[in-house]
N, C-alpha and C. Protein backbone atom coordinates (compact mmCIF):
# COMPACT_ATOMS: atom_id res chain seq x y z
N MET A 1 21.93 84.44 45.34
CA MET A 1 21.37 85.15 44.17
C MET A 1 22.36 86.20 43.75
N THR A 2 22.15 87.46 44.18
CA THR A 2 23.09 88.49 43.82
C THR A 2 23.79 89.00 45.03
N THR A 3 25.04 89.15 45.02
CA THR A 3 25.84 89.59 46.16
C THR A 3 26.74 90.70 45.79
N ALA A 4 27.31 91.38 46.79
CA ALA A 4 28.25 92.45 46.52
C ALA A 4 29.58 91.87 46.11
N PRO A 5 30.45 92.60 45.40
CA PRO A 5 31.74 92.11 45.00
C PRO A 5 32.53 91.64 46.20
N ARG A 6 33.18 90.51 46.02
CA ARG A 6 33.82 89.84 47.19
C ARG A 6 35.33 89.96 47.17
N SER A 7 35.93 90.59 46.21
CA SER A 7 37.34 90.66 46.09
C SER A 7 37.86 92.00 45.66
N SER A 8 38.94 92.44 46.27
CA SER A 8 39.52 93.72 45.85
C SER A 8 40.04 93.60 44.42
N ARG A 9 40.29 92.35 43.94
CA ARG A 9 40.75 92.17 42.57
C ARG A 9 39.67 92.64 41.60
N LEU A 10 38.42 92.55 41.97
CA LEU A 10 37.34 93.01 41.11
C LEU A 10 37.46 94.49 40.79
N LEU A 11 37.84 95.29 41.80
CA LEU A 11 38.04 96.71 41.60
C LEU A 11 39.12 97.03 40.57
N LEU A 12 40.21 96.26 40.66
CA LEU A 12 41.31 96.44 39.72
C LEU A 12 40.88 96.04 38.31
N LEU A 13 40.18 94.90 38.21
CA LEU A 13 39.69 94.46 36.90
C LEU A 13 38.73 95.50 36.30
N SER A 14 37.85 96.04 37.15
CA SER A 14 36.90 97.05 36.65
C SER A 14 37.65 98.26 36.13
N THR A 15 38.65 98.71 36.86
CA THR A 15 39.44 99.88 36.41
C THR A 15 40.14 99.62 35.10
N VAL A 16 40.71 98.42 34.98
CA VAL A 16 41.48 98.11 33.73
C VAL A 16 40.51 98.12 32.54
N VAL A 17 39.41 97.50 32.67
CA VAL A 17 38.48 97.44 31.52
C VAL A 17 37.82 98.76 31.27
N LEU A 18 37.59 99.57 32.25
CA LEU A 18 37.12 100.89 32.06
C LEU A 18 38.10 101.70 31.20
N ALA A 19 39.38 101.53 31.47
CA ALA A 19 40.38 102.18 30.66
C ALA A 19 40.37 101.70 29.21
N VAL A 20 40.27 100.39 29.04
CA VAL A 20 40.16 99.83 27.68
C VAL A 20 38.96 100.37 26.98
N ALA A 21 37.83 100.37 27.65
CA ALA A 21 36.60 100.84 27.02
C ALA A 21 36.65 102.32 26.70
N GLY A 22 37.24 103.09 27.60
CA GLY A 22 37.34 104.51 27.35
C GLY A 22 38.14 104.87 26.12
N ILE A 23 39.27 104.15 25.96
CA ILE A 23 40.05 104.38 24.80
C ILE A 23 39.37 103.95 23.54
N ALA A 24 38.62 102.85 23.62
CA ALA A 24 37.92 102.35 22.45
C ALA A 24 36.83 103.34 22.01
N LEU A 25 36.19 104.01 22.99
CA LEU A 25 35.12 104.93 22.67
C LEU A 25 35.59 106.33 22.36
N LEU A 26 36.60 106.77 23.05
CA LEU A 26 37.04 108.14 22.86
C LEU A 26 38.04 108.30 21.73
N GLY A 27 38.76 107.20 21.45
CA GLY A 27 39.82 107.27 20.46
C GLY A 27 41.10 107.78 21.07
N VAL A 28 42.21 107.37 20.51
CA VAL A 28 43.52 107.78 21.02
C VAL A 28 44.07 108.84 20.14
N PRO A 29 44.46 110.06 20.62
CA PRO A 29 44.99 111.12 19.80
C PRO A 29 46.20 110.65 19.03
N HIS A 30 46.37 111.20 17.83
CA HIS A 30 47.50 110.82 16.98
C HIS A 30 48.82 111.02 17.68
N GLY A 31 49.68 110.01 17.65
CA GLY A 31 50.99 110.11 18.22
C GLY A 31 51.06 109.76 19.72
N GLN A 32 49.93 109.54 20.32
CA GLN A 32 49.91 109.19 21.74
C GLN A 32 49.84 107.68 21.91
N PRO A 33 50.75 107.06 22.62
CA PRO A 33 50.73 105.59 22.76
C PRO A 33 49.54 105.15 23.61
N PRO A 34 48.78 104.16 23.18
CA PRO A 34 47.60 103.70 23.93
C PRO A 34 47.98 102.83 25.11
N ALA A 35 48.62 103.47 26.14
CA ALA A 35 49.17 102.71 27.21
C ALA A 35 48.08 102.03 28.04
N ALA A 36 46.92 102.62 28.06
CA ALA A 36 45.89 102.03 28.92
C ALA A 36 45.09 100.93 28.22
N ALA A 37 45.46 100.60 27.00
CA ALA A 37 44.67 99.64 26.20
C ALA A 37 45.15 98.22 26.41
N THR A 38 46.08 97.98 27.27
CA THR A 38 46.56 96.62 27.50
C THR A 38 45.99 96.11 28.80
N ALA A 39 45.47 94.92 28.79
CA ALA A 39 44.90 94.35 30.03
C ALA A 39 44.95 92.87 30.02
N THR A 40 45.20 92.22 31.15
CA THR A 40 45.16 90.80 31.31
C THR A 40 44.31 90.49 32.51
N ALA A 41 43.36 89.61 32.36
CA ALA A 41 42.47 89.26 33.50
C ALA A 41 43.05 88.08 34.23
N SER A 42 42.92 88.09 35.57
CA SER A 42 43.29 86.94 36.36
C SER A 42 42.02 86.16 36.69
N HIS A 43 42.22 84.95 37.29
CA HIS A 43 41.01 84.16 37.63
C HIS A 43 40.29 84.86 38.77
N ALA A 44 39.02 85.15 38.56
CA ALA A 44 38.12 85.79 39.56
C ALA A 44 36.69 85.65 39.11
N THR A 45 35.81 85.45 40.06
CA THR A 45 34.41 85.34 39.75
C THR A 45 33.79 86.67 40.14
N THR A 46 33.09 87.29 39.22
CA THR A 46 32.43 88.55 39.45
C THR A 46 30.97 88.34 39.77
N ASP A 47 30.33 89.32 40.42
CA ASP A 47 28.94 89.23 40.81
C ASP A 47 28.13 90.28 40.15
N PRO A 48 26.79 90.10 40.06
CA PRO A 48 25.93 90.99 39.26
C PRO A 48 25.56 92.29 39.91
N SER A 49 26.36 92.75 40.95
CA SER A 49 25.98 93.98 41.62
C SER A 49 26.90 95.10 41.27
N SER A 50 27.90 94.91 40.44
CA SER A 50 28.84 95.97 40.09
C SER A 50 28.21 96.91 39.08
N ALA A 51 28.67 98.15 39.11
CA ALA A 51 28.12 99.14 38.14
C ALA A 51 29.02 99.31 36.97
N ALA A 52 30.02 98.41 36.71
CA ALA A 52 30.88 98.56 35.56
C ALA A 52 31.10 97.21 34.92
N ALA A 53 31.22 97.17 33.59
CA ALA A 53 31.46 95.91 32.89
C ALA A 53 32.95 95.58 33.01
N VAL A 54 33.23 94.45 33.66
CA VAL A 54 34.65 94.12 33.83
C VAL A 54 34.99 92.92 32.98
N ALA A 55 36.25 92.63 32.98
CA ALA A 55 36.76 91.51 32.13
C ALA A 55 36.44 90.17 32.72
N PRO A 56 36.25 89.14 31.90
CA PRO A 56 35.99 87.82 32.46
C PRO A 56 37.14 87.22 33.10
N ALA A 57 36.86 86.26 33.98
CA ALA A 57 37.93 85.62 34.77
C ALA A 57 38.52 84.45 34.00
N GLY A 58 38.51 84.49 32.70
CA GLY A 58 38.90 83.31 31.90
C GLY A 58 40.28 83.38 31.32
N LYS A 59 41.05 84.42 31.63
CA LYS A 59 42.41 84.49 31.04
C LYS A 59 43.40 83.78 31.98
N PRO A 60 44.27 82.94 31.46
CA PRO A 60 45.25 82.23 32.33
C PRO A 60 46.22 83.20 32.94
N ALA A 61 46.66 82.87 34.16
CA ALA A 61 47.63 83.74 34.82
C ALA A 61 48.92 83.78 34.11
N ALA A 62 49.37 82.62 33.56
CA ALA A 62 50.61 82.61 32.78
C ALA A 62 50.30 82.95 31.31
N SER A 63 49.92 84.20 31.09
CA SER A 63 49.54 84.61 29.79
C SER A 63 50.65 85.40 29.12
N THR A 64 50.64 85.43 27.82
CA THR A 64 51.64 86.22 27.11
C THR A 64 51.10 87.59 26.80
N ASP A 65 49.88 87.90 27.25
CA ASP A 65 49.32 89.22 27.05
C ASP A 65 50.07 90.26 27.84
N PRO A 66 49.94 91.56 27.48
CA PRO A 66 50.59 92.61 28.25
C PRO A 66 50.16 92.63 29.71
N SER A 67 50.98 93.21 30.55
CA SER A 67 50.64 93.30 31.96
C SER A 67 49.51 94.26 32.21
N PRO A 68 48.76 94.09 33.27
CA PRO A 68 47.64 95.00 33.58
C PRO A 68 48.14 96.42 33.76
N THR A 69 47.32 97.36 33.41
CA THR A 69 47.65 98.76 33.57
C THR A 69 47.39 99.17 35.01
N SER A 70 48.26 99.92 35.58
CA SER A 70 48.06 100.37 36.98
C SER A 70 46.88 101.30 37.05
N ALA A 71 46.01 101.07 38.09
CA ALA A 71 44.83 101.93 38.20
C ALA A 71 45.23 103.36 38.48
N ALA A 72 46.38 103.54 39.16
CA ALA A 72 46.83 104.90 39.50
C ALA A 72 47.19 105.74 38.26
N SER A 73 47.52 105.06 37.15
CA SER A 73 47.99 105.76 35.96
C SER A 73 46.88 106.14 35.02
N ILE A 74 45.65 105.79 35.32
CA ILE A 74 44.55 106.03 34.43
C ILE A 74 43.89 107.37 34.72
N PRO A 75 43.82 108.28 33.74
CA PRO A 75 43.23 109.60 34.02
C PRO A 75 41.79 109.49 34.39
N PRO A 76 41.28 110.27 35.32
CA PRO A 76 39.83 110.20 35.70
C PRO A 76 38.93 110.41 34.52
N SER A 77 39.31 111.27 33.55
CA SER A 77 38.45 111.54 32.43
C SER A 77 38.22 110.30 31.62
N VAL A 78 39.23 109.40 31.53
CA VAL A 78 39.06 108.14 30.80
C VAL A 78 38.08 107.23 31.53
N LEU A 79 38.16 107.18 32.86
CA LEU A 79 37.27 106.34 33.62
C LEU A 79 35.79 106.81 33.45
N GLU A 80 35.63 108.13 33.51
CA GLU A 80 34.25 108.70 33.46
C GLU A 80 33.58 108.43 32.09
N SER A 81 34.44 108.42 31.04
CA SER A 81 33.86 108.29 29.69
C SER A 81 33.97 106.87 29.11
N ALA A 82 34.34 105.91 29.94
CA ALA A 82 34.67 104.60 29.44
C ALA A 82 33.49 103.88 28.83
N LEU A 83 32.34 103.90 29.48
CA LEU A 83 31.18 103.16 29.01
C LEU A 83 29.98 104.12 28.84
N PRO A 84 28.96 103.65 28.15
CA PRO A 84 27.76 104.51 28.03
C PRO A 84 27.24 104.87 29.40
N PRO A 85 26.64 106.04 29.54
CA PRO A 85 26.12 106.47 30.87
C PRO A 85 25.05 105.50 31.34
N HIS A 86 24.92 105.35 32.63
CA HIS A 86 23.85 104.50 33.21
C HIS A 86 22.51 105.07 32.69
N GLY A 87 21.62 104.19 32.31
CA GLY A 87 20.34 104.63 31.82
C GLY A 87 20.30 104.91 30.32
N GLU A 88 21.45 104.63 29.66
CA GLU A 88 21.49 104.88 28.18
C GLU A 88 20.56 104.01 27.41
N GLY A 89 20.21 102.85 28.02
CA GLY A 89 19.26 101.93 27.36
C GLY A 89 19.91 101.09 26.27
N VAL A 90 19.06 100.51 25.44
CA VAL A 90 19.56 99.56 24.43
C VAL A 90 20.58 100.20 23.52
N ALA A 91 20.52 101.50 23.32
CA ALA A 91 21.45 102.20 22.43
C ALA A 91 22.89 102.04 22.88
N GLY A 92 23.08 101.87 24.19
CA GLY A 92 24.50 101.72 24.68
C GLY A 92 24.99 100.29 24.73
N ASP A 93 24.14 99.30 24.51
CA ASP A 93 24.52 97.93 24.63
C ASP A 93 25.58 97.53 23.63
N ARG A 94 25.51 98.03 22.40
CA ARG A 94 26.47 97.62 21.39
C ARG A 94 27.89 98.05 21.79
N ALA A 95 28.02 99.21 22.36
CA ALA A 95 29.38 99.65 22.81
C ALA A 95 29.91 98.73 23.89
N VAL A 96 29.08 98.29 24.78
CA VAL A 96 29.53 97.37 25.84
C VAL A 96 30.03 96.07 25.20
N GLN A 97 29.25 95.50 24.31
CA GLN A 97 29.62 94.27 23.59
C GLN A 97 30.93 94.45 22.83
N GLN A 98 31.09 95.50 22.10
CA GLN A 98 32.30 95.74 21.34
C GLN A 98 33.52 95.90 22.19
N ASN A 99 33.36 96.55 23.37
CA ASN A 99 34.50 96.73 24.27
C ASN A 99 34.93 95.37 24.88
N LEU A 100 34.00 94.54 25.20
CA LEU A 100 34.38 93.21 25.75
C LEU A 100 35.12 92.38 24.69
N GLU A 101 34.59 92.40 23.48
CA GLU A 101 35.18 91.59 22.43
C GLU A 101 36.57 92.15 22.04
N ALA A 102 36.75 93.44 22.08
CA ALA A 102 38.06 94.03 21.77
C ALA A 102 39.07 93.73 22.83
N ALA A 103 38.67 93.72 24.08
CA ALA A 103 39.59 93.46 25.18
C ALA A 103 39.99 91.99 25.27
N TRP A 104 39.06 91.06 24.93
CA TRP A 104 39.33 89.65 25.00
C TRP A 104 38.88 88.95 23.74
N PRO A 105 39.79 88.85 22.75
CA PRO A 105 39.42 88.23 21.48
C PRO A 105 38.94 86.79 21.66
N ALA A 106 38.08 86.32 20.76
CA ALA A 106 37.52 84.98 20.88
C ALA A 106 38.65 83.92 20.88
N ASP A 107 38.49 82.90 21.67
CA ASP A 107 39.47 81.83 21.73
C ASP A 107 38.81 80.47 21.73
N PHE A 108 37.51 80.37 21.40
CA PHE A 108 36.82 79.11 21.23
C PHE A 108 36.32 78.96 19.81
N PRO A 109 36.18 77.73 19.31
CA PRO A 109 35.49 77.54 18.03
C PRO A 109 34.08 78.10 18.11
N ALA A 110 33.58 78.50 16.96
CA ALA A 110 32.26 79.17 16.90
C ALA A 110 31.16 78.30 17.55
N ASP A 111 31.19 77.01 17.29
CA ASP A 111 30.14 76.13 17.83
C ASP A 111 30.15 76.10 19.36
N ASP A 112 31.39 75.99 19.94
CA ASP A 112 31.49 75.97 21.40
C ASP A 112 31.04 77.30 21.97
N GLU A 113 31.47 78.39 21.36
CA GLU A 113 31.08 79.70 21.90
C GLU A 113 29.59 79.90 21.81
N ARG A 114 28.97 79.46 20.77
CA ARG A 114 27.55 79.60 20.62
C ARG A 114 26.79 78.82 21.74
N GLU A 115 27.26 77.59 21.95
CA GLU A 115 26.62 76.77 22.99
C GLU A 115 26.77 77.38 24.36
N LEU A 116 27.99 77.86 24.69
CA LEU A 116 28.23 78.48 25.93
C LEU A 116 27.43 79.77 26.17
N LEU A 117 27.34 80.58 25.17
CA LEU A 117 26.56 81.80 25.29
C LEU A 117 25.08 81.54 25.47
N THR A 118 24.58 80.52 24.76
CA THR A 118 23.15 80.21 24.87
C THR A 118 22.87 79.72 26.33
N ALA A 119 23.76 78.85 26.86
CA ALA A 119 23.56 78.38 28.20
C ALA A 119 23.76 79.46 29.23
N GLY A 120 24.78 80.27 29.04
CA GLY A 120 25.08 81.34 30.00
C GLY A 120 23.93 82.34 30.10
N ARG A 121 23.36 82.71 28.96
CA ARG A 121 22.24 83.65 28.93
C ARG A 121 21.05 83.08 29.65
N ALA A 122 20.74 81.80 29.39
CA ALA A 122 19.59 81.17 29.99
C ALA A 122 19.80 81.01 31.49
N LEU A 123 21.01 80.71 31.95
CA LEU A 123 21.29 80.58 33.37
C LEU A 123 21.14 81.91 34.08
N LEU A 124 21.62 82.98 33.47
CA LEU A 124 21.50 84.29 34.06
C LEU A 124 20.04 84.68 34.19
N ARG A 125 19.22 84.43 33.16
CA ARG A 125 17.82 84.77 33.19
C ARG A 125 17.13 83.95 34.29
N ALA A 126 17.46 82.67 34.42
CA ALA A 126 16.89 81.79 35.46
C ALA A 126 17.24 82.30 36.81
N ASP A 127 18.52 82.71 36.96
CA ASP A 127 18.99 83.14 38.29
C ASP A 127 18.31 84.45 38.71
N ALA A 128 18.22 85.40 37.77
CA ALA A 128 17.69 86.70 38.09
C ALA A 128 16.15 86.78 38.17
N THR A 129 15.47 86.07 37.24
CA THR A 129 14.02 86.19 37.16
C THR A 129 13.26 84.95 37.59
N GLY A 130 13.98 83.82 37.77
CA GLY A 130 13.29 82.56 38.11
C GLY A 130 12.77 81.78 36.93
N VAL A 131 12.84 82.35 35.74
CA VAL A 131 12.27 81.69 34.55
C VAL A 131 13.26 80.63 34.04
N GLY A 132 12.80 79.36 33.98
CA GLY A 132 13.61 78.24 33.44
C GLY A 132 14.50 77.57 34.41
N ARG A 133 14.34 77.74 35.70
CA ARG A 133 15.19 77.08 36.66
C ARG A 133 15.10 75.57 36.71
N VAL A 134 13.93 75.09 36.31
CA VAL A 134 13.75 73.60 36.36
C VAL A 134 14.69 72.87 35.43
N LYS A 135 15.21 73.57 34.47
CA LYS A 135 16.16 72.93 33.53
C LYS A 135 17.47 72.55 34.17
N TRP A 136 17.83 73.23 35.30
CA TRP A 136 19.10 73.00 35.95
C TRP A 136 18.86 72.77 37.47
N PRO A 137 18.33 71.59 37.81
CA PRO A 137 18.01 71.35 39.23
C PRO A 137 19.27 71.31 40.12
N THR A 138 20.43 70.97 39.55
CA THR A 138 21.65 70.95 40.38
C THR A 138 22.16 72.33 40.64
N ILE A 139 21.83 73.28 39.73
CA ILE A 139 22.24 74.66 39.94
C ILE A 139 21.31 75.41 40.82
N PHE A 140 20.00 75.08 40.62
CA PHE A 140 18.94 75.78 41.40
C PHE A 140 18.12 74.70 42.13
N PRO A 141 18.58 74.30 43.31
CA PRO A 141 17.90 73.24 44.11
C PRO A 141 16.45 73.65 44.41
N ASP A 142 16.14 74.90 44.42
CA ASP A 142 14.79 75.31 44.78
C ASP A 142 13.87 75.50 43.54
N SER A 143 14.30 74.88 42.40
CA SER A 143 13.60 75.08 41.15
C SER A 143 12.14 74.59 41.19
N GLY A 144 11.81 73.64 42.11
CA GLY A 144 10.45 73.15 42.18
C GLY A 144 9.63 73.90 43.21
N VAL A 145 10.18 74.92 43.79
CA VAL A 145 9.50 75.69 44.85
C VAL A 145 9.15 77.09 44.29
N ALA A 146 8.03 77.58 44.68
CA ALA A 146 7.63 78.92 44.28
C ALA A 146 8.58 79.93 44.99
N VAL A 147 9.34 80.65 44.18
CA VAL A 147 10.29 81.60 44.73
C VAL A 147 10.06 82.95 44.08
N ALA A 148 9.95 83.99 44.89
CA ALA A 148 9.75 85.32 44.35
C ALA A 148 11.02 85.75 43.60
N PRO A 149 10.94 86.08 42.33
CA PRO A 149 12.15 86.45 41.56
C PRO A 149 12.80 87.70 42.09
N ALA A 150 14.13 87.80 42.04
CA ALA A 150 14.82 88.99 42.51
C ALA A 150 14.62 90.14 41.55
N PHE A 151 14.44 89.86 40.27
CA PHE A 151 14.33 90.88 39.24
C PHE A 151 13.07 90.64 38.38
N ALA A 152 12.46 91.74 37.98
CA ALA A 152 11.24 91.66 37.14
C ALA A 152 11.60 91.18 35.74
N THR A 153 10.90 90.17 35.23
CA THR A 153 11.17 89.60 33.94
C THR A 153 11.04 90.72 32.84
N ALA A 154 10.06 91.54 32.95
CA ALA A 154 9.83 92.59 31.93
C ALA A 154 10.94 93.63 31.85
N ARG A 155 11.64 93.84 32.96
CA ARG A 155 12.71 94.85 32.94
C ARG A 155 14.11 94.21 33.00
N PHE A 156 14.22 92.95 32.62
CA PHE A 156 15.49 92.24 32.57
C PHE A 156 16.05 92.30 31.15
N ARG A 157 17.30 92.64 31.00
CA ARG A 157 17.93 92.72 29.68
C ARG A 157 19.41 92.39 29.75
N ILE A 158 19.83 91.47 28.88
CA ILE A 158 21.26 91.18 28.80
C ILE A 158 21.87 92.15 27.79
N GLN A 159 22.84 92.91 28.26
CA GLN A 159 23.46 93.94 27.42
C GLN A 159 24.59 93.46 26.59
N ALA A 160 25.35 92.53 27.09
CA ALA A 160 26.50 91.98 26.34
C ALA A 160 26.93 90.64 26.95
N ALA A 161 27.59 89.80 26.17
CA ALA A 161 28.04 88.52 26.65
C ALA A 161 29.17 87.99 25.81
N ILE A 162 30.15 87.39 26.46
CA ILE A 162 31.25 86.70 25.73
C ILE A 162 31.57 85.44 26.44
N ALA A 163 32.07 84.40 25.70
CA ALA A 163 32.52 83.13 26.30
C ALA A 163 34.00 82.95 26.00
N ARG A 164 34.77 82.70 26.98
CA ARG A 164 36.23 82.56 26.82
C ARG A 164 36.77 81.37 27.66
N ARG A 165 37.96 80.97 27.29
CA ARG A 165 38.62 79.89 28.04
C ARG A 165 38.88 80.36 29.46
N ASP A 166 38.77 79.38 30.39
CA ASP A 166 39.02 79.66 31.76
C ASP A 166 40.20 78.82 32.23
N GLY A 167 41.37 79.12 31.68
CA GLY A 167 42.60 78.43 32.06
C GLY A 167 43.01 77.43 31.07
N ASN A 168 42.06 76.59 30.56
CA ASN A 168 42.40 75.58 29.55
C ASN A 168 41.14 75.34 28.69
N SER A 169 41.32 74.49 27.68
CA SER A 169 40.26 74.27 26.68
C SER A 169 39.08 73.49 27.24
N ASP A 170 39.22 72.90 28.44
CA ASP A 170 38.14 72.14 29.06
C ASP A 170 37.37 72.96 30.11
N ARG A 171 37.76 74.20 30.27
CA ARG A 171 37.04 75.06 31.20
C ARG A 171 36.72 76.38 30.50
N ALA A 172 35.57 76.92 30.78
CA ALA A 172 35.12 78.17 30.14
C ALA A 172 34.42 79.04 31.14
N VAL A 173 34.37 80.32 30.83
CA VAL A 173 33.60 81.28 31.60
C VAL A 173 32.80 82.12 30.66
N VAL A 174 31.55 82.25 30.95
CA VAL A 174 30.64 83.17 30.20
C VAL A 174 30.46 84.37 31.02
N HIS A 175 30.88 85.51 30.45
CA HIS A 175 30.85 86.79 31.16
C HIS A 175 29.66 87.59 30.59
N LEU A 176 28.74 88.01 31.45
CA LEU A 176 27.55 88.73 31.00
C LEU A 176 27.40 90.08 31.69
N VAL A 177 26.96 91.01 30.93
CA VAL A 177 26.66 92.37 31.45
C VAL A 177 25.15 92.57 31.24
N TRP A 178 24.45 93.01 32.27
CA TRP A 178 22.99 93.05 32.13
C TRP A 178 22.33 94.17 32.96
N ALA A 179 21.05 94.32 32.70
CA ALA A 179 20.30 95.34 33.39
C ALA A 179 19.01 94.76 33.94
N GLY A 180 18.54 95.29 35.03
CA GLY A 180 17.30 94.76 35.64
C GLY A 180 16.75 95.64 36.75
N MET A 181 15.44 95.43 37.02
CA MET A 181 14.80 96.13 38.13
C MET A 181 14.55 95.14 39.26
N ASP A 182 15.05 95.48 40.43
CA ASP A 182 14.88 94.56 41.57
C ASP A 182 13.51 94.69 42.19
N ARG A 183 13.29 93.88 43.26
CA ARG A 183 11.94 93.88 43.90
C ARG A 183 11.60 95.22 44.55
N GLY A 184 12.66 95.97 44.84
CA GLY A 184 12.39 97.28 45.45
C GLY A 184 12.08 98.39 44.44
N GLY A 185 12.11 98.01 43.14
CA GLY A 185 11.80 98.98 42.12
C GLY A 185 12.97 99.75 41.61
N THR A 186 14.17 99.40 41.99
CA THR A 186 15.38 100.08 41.53
C THR A 186 15.91 99.44 40.26
N PHE A 187 16.06 100.20 39.24
CA PHE A 187 16.60 99.71 37.93
C PHE A 187 18.06 100.09 37.88
N THR A 188 18.88 99.10 37.57
CA THR A 188 20.33 99.31 37.42
C THR A 188 20.85 98.56 36.22
N ASP A 189 21.66 99.24 35.37
CA ASP A 189 22.28 98.57 34.25
C ASP A 189 23.75 98.34 34.56
N LEU A 190 24.48 97.73 33.58
CA LEU A 190 25.87 97.38 33.71
C LEU A 190 26.14 96.51 34.93
N ARG A 191 25.24 95.64 35.27
CA ARG A 191 25.49 94.64 36.30
C ARG A 191 26.37 93.54 35.62
N ILE A 192 27.10 92.77 36.44
CA ILE A 192 27.97 91.77 35.89
C ILE A 192 27.78 90.40 36.60
N THR A 193 27.87 89.34 35.77
CA THR A 193 27.75 87.98 36.30
C THR A 193 28.66 87.06 35.46
N ASP A 194 29.34 86.12 36.12
CA ASP A 194 30.10 85.12 35.44
C ASP A 194 29.50 83.74 35.72
N TRP A 195 29.41 82.91 34.69
CA TRP A 195 29.04 81.50 34.86
C TRP A 195 30.18 80.66 34.33
N HIS A 196 30.62 79.69 35.14
CA HIS A 196 31.74 78.86 34.76
C HIS A 196 31.21 77.48 34.29
N PHE A 197 31.92 76.91 33.30
CA PHE A 197 31.53 75.63 32.74
C PHE A 197 32.76 74.71 32.63
N THR A 198 32.46 73.39 32.62
CA THR A 198 33.50 72.41 32.33
C THR A 198 33.07 71.55 31.16
N ARG A 199 34.00 71.12 30.40
CA ARG A 199 33.67 70.30 29.19
C ARG A 199 33.77 68.85 29.56
N THR A 200 32.72 68.07 29.16
CA THR A 200 32.72 66.65 29.33
C THR A 200 32.45 65.99 27.95
N ILE A 201 33.08 64.85 27.71
CA ILE A 201 32.90 64.15 26.47
C ILE A 201 32.36 62.78 26.76
N LYS A 202 31.17 62.49 26.25
CA LYS A 202 30.55 61.19 26.48
C LYS A 202 30.06 60.61 25.15
N LYS A 203 30.58 59.44 24.84
CA LYS A 203 30.20 58.78 23.57
C LYS A 203 30.47 59.68 22.37
N GLY A 204 31.56 60.38 22.42
CA GLY A 204 31.94 61.21 21.30
C GLY A 204 31.23 62.55 21.23
N THR A 205 30.33 62.84 22.19
CA THR A 205 29.57 64.08 22.20
C THR A 205 30.12 65.01 23.30
N THR A 206 30.40 66.22 22.92
CA THR A 206 30.92 67.19 23.84
C THR A 206 29.81 67.99 24.48
N THR A 207 29.87 68.12 25.79
CA THR A 207 28.83 68.88 26.49
C THR A 207 29.53 69.82 27.45
N TRP A 208 28.97 71.05 27.53
CA TRP A 208 29.45 72.00 28.49
C TRP A 208 28.51 72.03 29.68
N THR A 209 29.06 71.74 30.87
CA THR A 209 28.27 71.64 32.09
C THR A 209 28.49 72.83 32.99
N PRO A 210 27.46 73.56 33.36
CA PRO A 210 27.58 74.72 34.23
C PRO A 210 27.97 74.28 35.65
N GLN A 211 28.74 75.11 36.30
CA GLN A 211 29.15 74.83 37.67
C GLN A 211 28.39 75.74 38.66
N PRO A 212 27.94 75.16 39.78
CA PRO A 212 27.25 75.96 40.76
C PRO A 212 28.03 77.17 41.18
N ARG A 213 27.38 78.26 41.39
CA ARG A 213 28.06 79.48 41.85
C ARG A 213 28.31 79.35 43.34
N SER A 214 29.51 79.73 43.72
CA SER A 214 29.91 79.64 45.15
C SER A 214 29.30 80.74 45.95
């Protein structure tokens, strides 16, 4: 279900995107080069327990984008002001969405992106709240069994989502930032989850198939 971050790379990605978001929200003073605004994501799967919105793992390693910014070079003030404060509520969601889109411009046709986002949102809701699991029996083998949801449906909210290529045009990653209250009554926003998809073409029809989370 939800696990703690499993890679030190997640911390670097979080720092990089925090810098991007901070610059986007705070603005860059006139004449000052926006050194912290360049970022490239490597392949990595993030988990929904982080307290910062990080970049999706869908950017190819052999990218022509600028090199990642060193975490050591980012001023603490930028990190602290990067995203809306925890508990900001719906009012802060737009900033999170805009920062993700600014850091990783769209690279899929509109139809593909729409399909991926619809599926990614539904998968996240099913994973967190248990609602709609029967639609993906291969992803949720326990979909026919009564399972206590990890998060309350009424307090679940997707704050932002983007769909991007995951190395090539036949692979995609949907990156979601969300908020929810767990069974213990703790509400946390800016959680992160990635869902990976592969493209299959059957009888001329393209379908995006979600991959089980490891």
